[in-house]
Amino acid sequence: MRRNCTDCILDGTDACSRGAGRAVDDKICGDFFPTKVVEVDDDIVRKSIEYYGMDLQLNVAIEEMSELTKEICKHIRGKENRAEIVEEMADVFIMLANLQSMFYVSERELNRIITEKQERLKNRMEGEEV
């Protein structure tokens, strides 16, 4: 019996049996589009910046992004490391929340720039054969 994309979510495995969110025809499964809401505790963000200071938090942000980069490189080389990638993604999301707070970036400003960048990407893709 062929599984539907939602089967992996409904059975609690959190991972697509067909290859980490890719459908049979190699188009991205609709159930695996990026989340719109990432739960990061604002109070912990504020306290971590106050406790460790901005300079250390900036270094930690660089380290966490580097660790994610390292895991992606391992994946490209053939390592089955989805769990490690997800863990590093969580660390990067936390540090992005810290950066957003440290640089006084409003959700509105960030969303405006994301929209502009995605529109530019969409226009580039529409101008090319995909």
Protein backbone atom coordinates (compact mmCIF):
# COMPACT_ATOMS: atom_id res chain seq x y z
CA MET A 1 0.00 0.00 0.00
CA ARG A 2 1.39 3.41 -0.99
CA ARG A 3 1.56 5.94 1.80
CA ASN A 4 0.18 9.43 1.50
CA CYS A 5 2.40 12.32 2.56
CA THR A 6 0.36 12.93 5.71
CA ASP A 7 0.79 9.31 6.86
CA CYS A 8 4.23 10.04 8.27
CA ILE A 9 2.83 12.94 10.27
CA LEU A 10 -0.26 11.06 11.42
CA ASP A 11 1.68 8.00 12.57
CA GLY A 12 4.04 10.19 14.60
CA THR A 13 7.29 9.35 12.82
CA ASP A 14 8.01 13.02 11.95
CA ALA A 15 9.92 11.90 8.87
CA CYS A 16 8.67 11.14 5.40
CA SER A 17 9.19 7.52 4.43
CA ARG A 18 9.85 8.66 0.87
CA GLY A 19 12.84 10.80 1.64
CA ALA A 20 12.55 13.66 4.12
CA GLY A 21 9.55 15.42 2.69
CA ARG A 22 9.92 14.69 -1.00
CA ALA A 23 7.10 13.16 -2.96
CA VAL A 24 7.54 10.44 -5.56
CA ASP A 25 7.80 12.92 -8.44
CA ASP A 26 10.48 14.85 -6.51
CA LYS A 27 8.23 17.82 -5.86
CA ILE A 28 8.20 19.01 -2.28
CA CYS A 29 5.32 17.58 -0.29
CA GLY A 30 2.84 20.22 0.84
CA ASP A 31 2.99 18.91 4.40
CA PHE A 32 6.63 19.90 4.66
CA PHE A 33 6.56 23.59 3.81
CA PRO A 34 8.32 25.83 6.34
CA THR A 35 6.48 26.56 9.51
CA LYS A 36 4.93 29.98 9.93
CA VAL A 37 5.35 29.98 13.70
CA VAL A 38 8.44 28.96 15.62
CA GLU A 39 7.94 28.85 19.37
CA VAL A 40 10.78 30.73 21.05
CA ASP A 41 10.24 32.03 24.58
CA ASP A 42 10.76 35.81 24.47
CA ASP A 43 11.52 35.94 28.18
CA ILE A 44 14.34 33.39 27.84
CA VAL A 45 15.69 35.33 24.83
CA ARG A 46 15.77 38.55 26.86
CA LYS A 47 17.32 36.88 29.89
CA SER A 48 19.99 35.10 27.83
CA ILE A 49 21.06 38.40 26.24
CA GLU A 50 21.17 40.09 29.65
CA TYR A 51 23.03 37.18 31.28
CA TYR A 52 25.60 36.38 28.58
CA GLY A 53 25.81 39.78 26.91
CA MET A 54 25.48 40.78 23.29
CA ASP A 55 29.06 39.97 22.24
CA LEU A 56 28.90 36.39 23.47
CA GLN A 57 25.44 35.88 21.96
CA LEU A 58 26.74 37.12 18.59
CA ASN A 59 29.54 34.56 18.76
CA VAL A 60 27.09 31.81 19.73
CA ALA A 61 24.91 32.76 16.75
CA ILE A 62 27.91 32.36 14.45
CA GLU A 63 28.78 29.01 16.06
CA GLU A 64 25.23 27.66 15.75
CA MET A 65 24.97 28.65 12.09
CA SER A 66 28.34 27.00 11.50
CA GLU A 67 27.17 23.79 13.17
CA LEU A 68 24.11 23.72 10.91
CA THR A 69 26.34 24.32 7.90
CA LYS A 70 28.55 21.41 8.99
CA GLU A 71 25.58 19.03 9.27
CA ILE A 72 24.27 20.08 5.85
CA CYS A 73 27.73 19.39 4.36
CA LYS A 74 27.71 15.92 5.97
CA HIS A 75 24.28 15.28 4.45
CA ILE A 76 25.52 16.30 1.00
CA ARG A 77 28.36 13.80 1.41
CA GLY A 78 25.80 11.04 2.07
CA LYS A 79 25.45 10.88 5.86
CA GLU A 80 21.97 10.09 7.18
CA ASN A 81 21.82 12.91 9.74
CA ARG A 82 18.31 14.34 9.60
CA ALA A 83 18.03 14.42 13.41
CA GLU A 84 21.26 16.40 13.72
CA ILE A 85 20.11 18.86 11.05
CA VAL A 86 16.79 19.40 12.86
CA GLU A 87 18.59 19.92 16.18
CA GLU A 88 20.93 22.50 14.64
CA MET A 89 17.99 24.20 12.92
CA ALA A 90 16.36 24.60 16.35
CA ASP A 91 19.55 26.17 17.72
CA VAL A 92 19.69 28.56 14.75
CA PHE A 93 16.02 29.54 15.18
CA ILE A 94 16.73 30.36 18.83
CA MET A 95 19.74 32.46 17.89
CA LEU A 96 17.78 34.22 15.12
CA ALA A 97 15.27 35.24 17.80
CA ASN A 98 18.17 36.57 19.87
CA LEU A 99 19.53 38.50 16.88
CA GLN A 100 16.08 39.89 16.15
CA SER A 101 15.89 41.18 19.69
CA MET A 102 19.48 42.48 19.87
CA PHE A 103 19.12 44.46 16.64
CA TYR A 104 15.57 45.68 17.38
CA VAL A 105 14.07 44.05 14.29
CA SER A 106 10.28 44.08 14.34
CA GLU A 107 8.29 41.17 12.97
CA ARG A 108 6.76 43.60 10.50
CA GLU A 109 10.15 44.75 9.18
CA LEU A 110 11.44 41.19 8.89
CA ASN A 111 8.31 39.97 7.11
CA ARG A 112 8.47 42.90 4.67
CA ILE A 113 12.03 42.05 3.69
CA ILE A 114 11.25 38.32 3.47
CA THR A 115 8.33 39.11 1.16
CA GLU A 116 10.55 41.29 -1.05
CA LYS A 117 13.25 38.62 -1.28
CA GLN A 118 10.77 35.85 -2.05
CA GLU A 119 9.10 37.99 -4.70
CA ARG A 120 12.50 38.58 -6.31
CA LEU A 121 13.20 34.83 -6.24
CA LYS A 122 9.79 34.07 -7.72
CA ASN A 123 10.41 36.57 -10.54
CA ARG A 124 13.82 35.02 -11.25
CA MET A 125 12.33 31.53 -11.39
CA GLU A 126 9.49 32.63 -13.66
CA GLY A 127 12.06 34.07 -16.05
CA GLU A 128 13.85 30.73 -16.29
CA GLU A 129 12.67 27.27 -17.23
CA VAL A 130 12.36 25.19 -14.10
